[in-house]
C-alpha atoms as a PDB file:
ATOM      1  CA  MET A   1       0.000   0.000   0.000  1.00  0.00           C
ATOM      2  CA  ALA A   2       1.049   3.593  -0.557  1.00  0.00           C
ATOM      3  CA  ARG A   3       2.525   5.415   2.378  1.00  0.00           C
ATOM      4  CA  LEU A   4       0.641   8.344   3.875  1.00  0.00           C
ATOM      5  CA  ALA A   5       3.537  10.588   2.866  1.00  0.00           C
ATOM      6  CA  SER A   6       2.385  10.320  -0.754  1.00  0.00           C
ATOM      7  CA  LEU A   7      -0.568  12.531   0.140  1.00  0.00           C
ATOM      8  CA  PHE A   8       0.881  14.559   2.988  1.00  0.00           C
ATOM      9  CA  PRO A   9       4.575  14.932   2.108  1.00  0.00           C
ATOM     10  CA  SER A  10       5.523  17.095   5.067  1.00  0.00           C
ATOM     11  CA  VAL A  11       4.407  17.488   8.643  1.00  0.00           C
ATOM     12  CA  THR A  12       5.146  21.091   9.505  1.00  0.00           C
ATOM     13  CA  GLY A  13       3.727  24.115  11.249  1.00  0.00           C
ATOM     14  CA  PRO A  14       2.823  24.873  14.843  1.00  0.00           C
ATOM     15  CA  ARG A  15       0.313  22.061  15.164  1.00  0.00           C
ATOM     16  CA  ALA A  16       2.859  19.544  13.906  1.00  0.00           C
ATOM     17  CA  ASN A  17       5.367  20.720  16.479  1.00  0.00           C
ATOM     18  CA  ASN A  18       2.907  20.883  19.356  1.00  0.00           C
ATOM     19  CA  VAL A  19       3.574  17.348  20.531  1.00  0.00           C
ATOM     20  CA  ASN A  20       4.456  16.450  24.081  1.00  0.00           C
ATOM     21  CA  TYR A  21       7.065  13.741  23.629  1.00  0.00           C
ATOM     22  CA  LEU A  22       6.589  12.563  27.192  1.00  0.00           C
ATOM     23  CA  GLY A  23       2.948  12.048  26.226  1.00  0.00           C
ATOM     24  CA  ALA A  24       4.044  10.151  23.122  1.00  0.00           C
ATOM     25  CA  ALA A  25       6.216   7.853  25.229  1.00  0.00           C
ATOM     26  CA  ARG A  26       3.363   7.262  27.655  1.00  0.00           C
ATOM     27  CA  CYS A  27       1.056   6.361  24.783  1.00  0.00           C
ATOM     28  CA  ARG A  28       3.514   3.809  23.452  1.00  0.00           C
ATOM     29  CA  HIS A  29       3.915   2.394  26.947  1.00  0.00           C
ATOM     30  CA  LYS A  30       0.149   2.071  27.318  1.00  0.00           C
ATOM     31  CA  PHE A  31      -0.084   0.245  23.995  1.00  0.00           C
ATOM     32  CA  GLN A  32       2.656  -2.140  25.066  1.00  0.00           C
ATOM     33  CA  LEU A  33       0.839  -2.963  28.287  1.00  0.00           C
ATOM     34  CA  TYR A  34      -1.610  -4.836  26.070  1.00  0.00           C
ATOM     35  CA  TYR A  35       0.618  -5.620  23.081  1.00  0.00           C
ATOM     36  CA  PRO A  36       4.277  -5.804  24.197  1.00  0.00           C
ATOM     37  CA  ASN A  37       5.635  -6.251  20.670  1.00  0.00           C
ATOM     38  CA  GLY A  38       3.735  -3.295  19.242  1.00  0.00           C
ATOM     39  CA  PHE A  39       2.167  -3.804  15.837  1.00  0.00           C
ATOM     40  CA  ASP A  40       4.093  -7.056  15.466  1.00  0.00           C
ATOM     41  CA  ASP A  41       2.425  -8.558  18.520  1.00  0.00           C
ATOM     42  CA  GLU A  42       0.511 -11.759  17.758  1.00  0.00           C
ATOM     43  CA  VAL A  43      -2.279 -10.875  20.179  1.00  0.00           C
ATOM     44  CA  TYR A  44      -2.641  -7.472  18.505  1.00  0.00           C
ATOM     45  CA  GLN A  45      -3.007  -9.194  15.138  1.00  0.00           C
ATOM     46  CA  VAL A  46      -5.960 -11.160  16.485  1.00  0.00           C
ATOM     47  CA  ALA A  47      -7.566  -8.594  18.786  1.00  0.00           C
ATOM     48  CA  GLU A  48      -7.283  -5.442  16.694  1.00  0.00           C
ATOM     49  CA  ARG A  49      -5.815  -5.725  13.237  1.00  0.00           C
ATOM     50  CA  GLY A  50      -7.095  -9.017  11.887  1.00  0.00           C
ATOM     51  CA  VAL A  51     -10.777  -8.240  11.515  1.00  0.00           C
ATOM     52  CA  LYS A  52     -10.095  -4.808   9.978  1.00  0.00           C
ATOM     53  CA  GLU A  53      -7.598  -6.240   7.545  1.00  0.00           C
ATOM     54  CA  ARG A  54     -10.043  -8.949   6.486  1.00  0.00           C
ATOM     55  CA  ALA A  55     -12.655  -6.260   5.841  1.00  0.00           C
ATOM     56  CA  TRP A  56     -10.211  -4.461   3.566  1.00  0.00           C
ATOM     57  CA  LEU A  57      -9.401  -7.691   1.705  1.00  0.00           C
ATOM     58  CA  GLU A  58     -13.100  -8.420   1.246  1.00  0.00           C
ATOM     59  CA  TRP A  59     -13.728  -4.889  -0.001  1.00  0.00           C
ATOM     60  CA  ASN A  60     -10.808  -5.137  -2.389  1.00  0.00           C
ATOM     61  CA  THR A  61     -12.359  -8.295  -3.816  1.00  0.00           C
ATOM     62  CA  GLU A  62     -15.944  -7.089  -4.174  1.00  0.00           C
ATOM     63  CA  LEU A  63     -15.688  -3.310  -4.531  1.00  0.00           C
ATOM     64  CA  ASN A  64     -12.279  -2.631  -6.015  1.00  0.00           C
ATOM     65  CA  PRO A  65     -12.366   0.213  -8.589  1.00  0.00           C
ATOM     66  CA  GLN A  66     -13.071  -2.055 -11.564  1.00  0.00           C
ATOM     67  CA  ALA A  67     -15.792  -4.076  -9.828  1.00  0.00           C
ATOM     68  CA  TYR A  68     -17.328  -0.916  -8.391  1.00  0.00           C
ATOM     69  CA  ARG A  69     -17.451   0.744 -11.832  1.00  0.00           C
ATOM     70  CA  ARG A  70     -19.166  -2.300 -13.320  1.00  0.00           C
ATOM     71  CA  LEU A  71     -21.863  -2.202 -10.656  1.00  0.00           C
ATOM     72  CA  LEU A  72     -22.358   1.536 -11.209  1.00  0.00           C
ATOM     73  CA  ALA A  73     -22.598   1.034 -14.969  1.00  0.00           C
ATOM     74  CA  ARG A  74     -25.330  -1.568 -14.456  1.00  0.00           C
ATOM     75  CA  GLY A  75     -27.195   0.712 -12.073  1.00  0.00           C
ATOM     76  CA  GLU A  76     -26.781  -1.724  -9.160  1.00  0.00           C
ATOM     77  CA  HIS A  77     -26.632   0.979  -6.538  1.00  0.00           C
ATOM     78  CA  SER A  78     -28.550  -0.966  -3.914  1.00  0.00           C
ATOM     79  CA  ARG A  79     -26.166  -3.883  -4.333  1.00  0.00           C
ATOM     80  CA  ILE A  80     -23.232  -1.557  -3.679  1.00  0.00           C
ATOM     81  CA  VAL A  81     -24.963  -0.347  -0.527  1.00  0.00           C
ATOM     82  CA  ASP A  82     -25.629  -3.923   0.604  1.00  0.00           C
ATOM     83  CA  ILE A  83     -22.019  -4.976   0.063  1.00  0.00           C
ATOM     84  CA  ALA A  84     -20.657  -1.916   1.871  1.00  0.00           C
ATOM     85  CA  LEU A  85     -22.927  -2.439   4.862  1.00  0.00           C
ATOM     86  CA  ARG A  86     -22.228  -6.165   5.020  1.00  0.00           C
ATOM     87  CA  ILE A  87     -18.472  -5.659   5.034  1.00  0.00           C
ATOM     88  CA  GLU A  88     -18.674  -2.942   7.684  1.00  0.00           C
ATOM     89  CA  ALA A  89     -20.857  -5.179   9.844  1.00  0.00           C
ATOM     90  CA  ARG A  90     -18.086  -7.774   9.994  1.00  0.00           C
ATOM     91  CA  CYS A  91     -15.542  -5.358  11.433  1.00  0.00           C
ATOM     92  CA  ASN A  92     -18.186  -3.609  13.535  1.00  0.00           C
ATOM     93  CA  LEU A  93     -16.702  -0.117  13.585  1.00  0.00           C
ATOM     94  CA  LEU A  94     -20.072   1.644  13.732  1.00  0.00           C
ATOM     95  CA  PHE A  95     -22.565   1.714  16.579  1.00  0.00           C
ATOM     96  CA  SER A  96     -25.908   0.045  15.890  1.00  0.00           C
ATOM     97  CA  PHE A  97     -27.749   3.370  15.680  1.00  0.00           C
ATOM     98  CA  GLU A  98     -25.236   4.593  13.081  1.00  0.00           C
ATOM     99  CA  LYS A  99     -25.755   1.478  10.980  1.00  0.00           C
ATOM    100  CA  MET A 100     -29.524   1.916  11.210  1.00  0.00           C
ATOM    101  CA  ALA A 101     -29.304   5.593  10.294  1.00  0.00           C
ATOM    102  CA  LEU A 102     -27.486   4.724   7.083  1.00  0.00           C
ATOM    103  CA  ARG A 103     -29.776   1.815   6.218  1.00  0.00           C
ATOM    104  CA  ASP A 104     -32.812   4.046   6.657  1.00  0.00           C
ATOM    105  CA  ALA A 105     -31.250   6.813   4.586  1.00  0.00           C
ATOM    106  CA  VAL A 106     -30.545   4.683   1.499  1.00  0.00           C
ATOM    107  CA  LYS A 107     -33.765   2.678   1.239  1.00  0.00           C
ATOM    108  CA  GLU A 108     -35.048   4.657  -1.747  1.00  0.00           C
ATOM    109  CA  PRO A 109     -33.355   3.989  -5.117  1.00  0.00           C
ATOM    110  CA  THR A 110     -32.460   7.649  -5.653  1.00  0.00           C
ATOM    111  CA  ASP A 111     -30.769   7.814  -2.265  1.00  0.00           C
ATOM    112  CA  ALA A 112     -28.913   4.549  -2.836  1.00  0.00           C
ATOM    113  CA  ARG A 113     -27.694   5.984  -6.142  1.00  0.00           C
ATOM    114  CA  LEU A 114     -26.479   9.168  -4.454  1.00  0.00           C
ATOM    115  CA  PHE A 115     -24.634   7.195  -1.801  1.00  0.00           C
ATOM    116  CA  ALA A 116     -23.047   4.734  -4.224  1.00  0.00           C
ATOM    117  CA  THR A 117     -21.851   7.325  -6.739  1.00  0.00           C
ATOM    118  CA  ALA A 118     -20.578   9.732  -4.085  1.00  0.00           C
ATOM    119  CA  LEU A 119     -18.717   6.966  -2.258  1.00  0.00           C
ATOM    120  CA  TYR A 120     -16.990   5.896  -5.462  1.00  0.00           C
ATOM    121  CA  ALA A 121     -15.883   9.474  -6.123  1.00  0.00           C
ATOM    122  CA  PHE A 122     -14.593   9.779  -2.559  1.00  0.00           C
ATOM    123  CA  LEU A 123     -12.637   6.531  -2.673  1.00  0.00           C
ATOM    124  CA  TYR A 124     -11.461   6.334  -6.262  1.00  0.00           C
ATOM    125  CA  GLY A 125     -12.328   9.566  -8.037  1.00  0.00           C
ATOM    126  CA  ARG A 126     -10.079  12.319  -9.268  1.00  0.00           C
ATOM    127  CA  GLY A 127      -9.513  15.626  -7.586  1.00  0.00           C
ATOM    128  CA  THR A 128      -7.791  16.993  -4.541  1.00  0.00           C
ATOM    129  CA  PRO A 129      -8.338  15.389  -1.143  1.00  0.00           C
ATOM    130  CA  GLN A 130     -10.200  18.502  -0.054  1.00  0.00           C
ATOM    131  CA  ARG A 131     -12.621  18.422  -2.983  1.00  0.00           C
ATOM    132  CA  LYS A 132     -13.327  14.725  -2.515  1.00  0.00           C
ATOM    133  CA  VAL A 133     -13.871  14.968   1.228  1.00  0.00           C
ATOM    134  CA  GLU A 134     -16.137  18.000   0.890  1.00  0.00           C
ATOM    135  CA  ALA A 135     -18.195  16.364  -1.874  1.00  0.00           C
ATOM    136  CA  TRP A 136     -18.599  13.197   0.225  1.00  0.00           C
ATOM    137  CA  ILE A 137     -19.724  15.218   3.248  1.00  0.00           C
ATOM    138  CA  ALA A 138     -22.228  17.100   1.065  1.00  0.00           C
ATOM    139  CA  ALA A 139     -23.634  13.821  -0.285  1.00  0.00           C
ATOM    140  CA  LEU A 140     -24.178  12.374   3.187  1.00  0.00           C
ATOM    141  CA  ALA A 141     -25.764  15.646   4.295  1.00  0.00           C
ATOM    142  CA  ALA A 142     -28.233  15.343   1.413  1.00  0.00           C
ATOM    143  CA  LEU A 143     -29.460  11.890   2.442  1.00  0.00           C
ATOM    144  CA  PRO A 144     -32.781  11.817   4.318  1.00  0.00           C
ATOM    145  CA  ARG A 145     -32.776  11.512   8.078  1.00  0.00           C
ATOM    146  CA  ARG A 146     -35.283   9.043   9.521  1.00  0.00           C
ATOM    147  CA  GLN A 147     -34.263   8.828  13.181  1.00  0.00           C
ATOM    148  CA  SER A 148     -30.543   9.277  13.846  1.00  0.00           C
ATOM    149  CA  ARG A 149     -28.518  11.655  11.696  1.00  0.00           C
ATOM    150  CA  VAL A 150     -26.444  10.264   8.850  1.00  0.00           C
ATOM    151  CA  LEU A 151     -23.910  13.075   8.779  1.00  0.00           C
ATOM    152  CA  SER A 152     -21.539  12.122  11.576  1.00  0.00           C
ATOM    153  CA  TRP A 153     -17.807  11.607  11.713  1.00  0.00           C
ATOM    154  CA  PRO A 154     -17.992   7.812  12.025  1.00  0.00           C
ATOM    155  CA  LEU A 155     -20.173   7.554   8.912  1.00  0.00           C
ATOM    156  CA  VAL A 156     -18.055  10.073   7.014  1.00  0.00           C
ATOM    157  CA  THR A 157     -14.851   8.130   7.674  1.00  0.00           C
ATOM    158  CA  VAL A 158     -15.680   4.445   8.123  1.00  0.00           C
ATOM    159  CA  PHE A 159     -15.736   3.378   4.471  1.00  0.00           C
ATOM    160  CA  GLY A 160     -12.585   5.321   3.735  1.00  0.00           C
ATOM    161  CA  GLN A 161     -10.602   3.267   6.207  1.00  0.00           C
ATOM    162  CA  ILE A 162     -12.186  -0.033   5.185  1.00  0.00           C
ATOM    163  CA  ALA A 163     -11.607   0.512   1.465  1.00  0.00           C
ATOM    164  CA  ARG A 164      -8.464   2.679   1.442  1.00  0.00           C
ATOM    165  CA  PRO A 165      -6.493   2.129   4.653  1.00  0.00           C
ATOM    166  CA  ASP A 166      -3.457   3.351   2.758  1.00  0.00           C
ATOM    167  CA  ILE A 167      -4.718   6.936   3.105  1.00  0.00           C
ATOM    168  CA  HIS A 168      -7.939   7.183   5.126  1.00  0.00           C
ATOM    169  CA  LEU A 169      -8.401   7.089   8.902  1.00  0.00           C
ATOM    170  CA  PHE A 170     -11.573   6.228  10.812  1.00  0.00           C
ATOM    171  CA  LEU A 171     -12.623   8.898  13.309  1.00  0.00           C
ATOM    172  CA  LYS A 172     -14.270   7.845  16.543  1.00  0.00           C
ATOM    173  CA  PRO A 173     -14.657  11.298  18.104  1.00  0.00           C
ATOM    174  CA  MET A 174     -14.388  10.588  21.822  1.00  0.00           C
ATOM    175  CA  ALA A 175     -11.553   8.081  21.567  1.00  0.00           C
ATOM    176  CA  THR A 176      -9.614  10.159  19.042  1.00  0.00           C
ATOM    177  CA  ARG A 177      -9.915  13.361  21.039  1.00  0.00           C
ATOM    178  CA  LYS A 178      -8.778  11.592  24.180  1.00  0.00           C
ATOM    179  CA  ALA A 179      -5.838  10.038  22.356  1.00  0.00           C
ATOM    180  CA  ALA A 180      -4.806  13.398  20.897  1.00  0.00           C
ATOM    181  CA  ARG A 181      -4.830  14.991  24.347  1.00  0.00           C
ATOM    182  CA  ALA A 182      -2.779  12.135  25.790  1.00  0.00           C
ATOM    183  CA  TYR A 183      -0.299  12.397  22.930  1.00  0.00           C
ATOM    184  CA  GLY A 184      -0.035  16.170  23.168  1.00  0.00           C
ATOM    185  CA  PHE A 185      -1.523  16.988  19.755  1.00  0.00           C
ATOM    186  CA  ASP A 186      -3.824  19.983  19.423  1.00  0.00           C
ATOM    187  CA  PHE A 187      -6.733  18.382  17.546  1.00  0.00           C
ATOM    188  CA  ASP A 188      -9.146  21.177  16.659  1.00  0.00           C
ATOM    189  CA  TYR A 189     -12.278  19.024  16.633  1.00  0.00           C
ATOM    190  CA  ASP A 190     -15.804  20.039  15.675  1.00  0.00           C
ATOM    191  CA  ALA A 191     -18.796  17.686  15.603  1.00  0.00           C
ATOM    192  CA  ALA A 192     -19.884  19.089  12.235  1.00  0.00           C
ATOM    193  CA  PRO A 193     -17.905  17.224   9.561  1.00  0.00           C
ATOM    194  CA  SER A 194     -15.667  19.536   7.532  1.00  0.00           C
ATOM    195  CA  TRP A 195     -12.422  19.529   5.610  1.00  0.00           C
ATOM    196  CA  PRO A 196     -10.399  21.458   8.249  1.00  0.00           C
ATOM    197  CA  VAL A 197     -11.203  18.857  10.920  1.00  0.00           C
ATOM    198  CA  TYR A 198     -10.416  16.012   8.527  1.00  0.00           C
ATOM    199  CA  ARG A 199      -7.140  17.672   7.587  1.00  0.00           C
ATOM    200  CA  GLY A 200      -6.309  17.943  11.301  1.00  0.00           C
ATOM    201  CA  LEU A 201      -7.060  14.240  11.703  1.00  0.00           C
ATOM    202  CA  GLN A 202      -4.704  13.411   8.854  1.00  0.00           C
ATOM    203  CA  THR A 203      -2.030  15.626  10.370  1.00  0.00           C
ATOM    204  CA  PHE A 204      -2.361  13.736  13.650  1.00  0.00           C
ATOM    205  CA  ALA A 205      -2.058  10.454  11.750  1.00  0.00           C
ATOM    206  CA  ALA A 206       1.039  11.675   9.918  1.00  0.00           C
ATOM    207  CA  ILE A 207       2.679  12.717  13.195  1.00  0.00           C
ATOM    208  CA  LEU A 208       1.879   9.356  14.761  1.00  0.00           C
ATOM    209  CA  ARG A 209       3.390   7.502  11.824  1.00  0.00           C
ATOM    210  CA  ARG A 210       6.468   9.687  11.808  1.00  0.00           C
ATOM    211  CA  ASP A 211       7.054   9.158  15.521  1.00  0.00           C
ATOM    212  CA  LEU A 212       6.091   5.499  15.708  1.00  0.00           C
ATOM    213  CA  ASP A 213       8.191   4.516  12.699  1.00  0.00           C
ATOM    214  CA  ARG A 214      11.286   5.312  14.754  1.00  0.00           C
ATOM    215  CA  LYS A 215      10.460   2.692  17.386  1.00  0.00           C
ATOM    216  CA  PRO A 216      11.002  -1.081  17.069  1.00  0.00           C
ATOM    217  CA  GLY A 217       7.730  -2.899  16.431  1.00  0.00           C
ATOM    218  CA  PHE A 218       5.813   0.288  15.711  1.00  0.00           C
ATOM    219  CA  ARG A 219       6.246   0.745  11.965  1.00  0.00           C
ATOM    220  CA  ALA A 220       2.640   1.231  10.854  1.00  0.00           C
ATOM    221  CA  ARG A 221       1.680  -0.696   7.739  1.00  0.00           C
ATOM    222  CA  ASP A 222      -1.314   1.520   7.088  1.00  0.00           C
ATOM    223  CA  MET A 223      -4.076   3.450   8.832  1.00  0.00           C
ATOM    224  CA  ILE A 224      -5.402   0.259  10.417  1.00  0.00           C
ATOM    225  CA  ASP A 225      -2.393   0.286  12.701  1.00  0.00           C
ATOM    226  CA  VAL A 226      -2.684   4.031  13.307  1.00  0.00           C
ATOM    227  CA  GLN A 227      -6.381   3.821  14.158  1.00  0.00           C
ATOM    228  CA  SER A 228      -5.764   0.846  16.432  1.00  0.00           C
ATOM    229  CA  PHE A 229      -3.050   2.778  18.272  1.00  0.00           C
ATOM    230  CA  ILE A 230      -5.488   5.675  18.742  1.00  0.00           C
ATOM    231  CA  TRP A 231      -8.225   3.285  19.889  1.00  0.00           C
ATOM    232  CA  VAL A 232      -6.039   1.744  22.578  1.00  0.00           C
ATOM    233  CA  GLN A 233      -5.275   5.225  23.932  1.00  0.00           C
ATOM    234  CA  GLY A 234      -8.800   6.595  24.002  1.00  0.00           C
ATOM    235  CA  SER A 235     -11.431   3.882  24.118  1.00  0.00           C
ATOM    236  CA  ALA A 236     -13.462   3.037  27.196  1.00  0.00           C
ATOM    237  CA  GLU A 237     -12.887  -0.630  26.338  1.00  0.00           C
ATOM    238  CA  TYR A 238      -9.191  -0.407  27.188  1.00  0.00           C
ATOM    239  CA  GLU A 239      -9.853   1.807  30.188  1.00  0.00           C
ATOM    240  CA  ARG A 240     -12.061  -0.937  31.622  1.00  0.00           C
ATOM    241  CA  GLN A 241      -9.343  -3.524  31.024  1.00  0.00           C
ATOM    242  CA  ALA A 242      -6.813  -1.328  32.831  1.00  0.00           C
ATOM    243  CA  GLN A 243      -9.076  -1.127  35.871  1.00  0.00           C
ATOM    244  CA  ARG A 244      -9.422  -4.883  36.296  1.00  0.00           C
END
């Protein structure tokens, strides 16, 4: 897979430098409490990486660019939706209410078409990262809301990480914000999805990769490893384990 540096060639500026390296060391130590060998740890492969990697492999089989284009050409938008939701369900990154919000929003053929075409453009289309992210956000905002809202950071980012973990990072707001604070990164978060927040997320990811690559066992293969590192720092799941 391509390295993140192909999209974000430099990590500079005040936000890039605003990292507490004691915080970074503490975050690595916390990760190693659960996975002593870092990303090479066998337990990590099973507990965190394996299911996400299998989702990517399944996506790459069923909705790679060529297969996706064929389905679009045949007008099989609902099938694209079904495949996307089925693959996400196996790695279980979304909460149940988020899954239901999306299912409700794409029941009508016109809405399924909007979702399928916009997702393809986001994942595989041409244009700058900013244009693609903003167009994807606009498409999700245009989908109907039945009960829960569709336009949320988890729904904006989940299919990016599943399909393109070479460049896209899944954003779980609470866990990511907590991890950024622990690391010492000034993550300027807003609940309303936007390009500036997404760019900040990618900057955080680039800093993590830059720093972690220097440590044995912490060379991230892709954003699956980066997101897993963030998750260990900020999720309530690992907090509960620490308290046992």
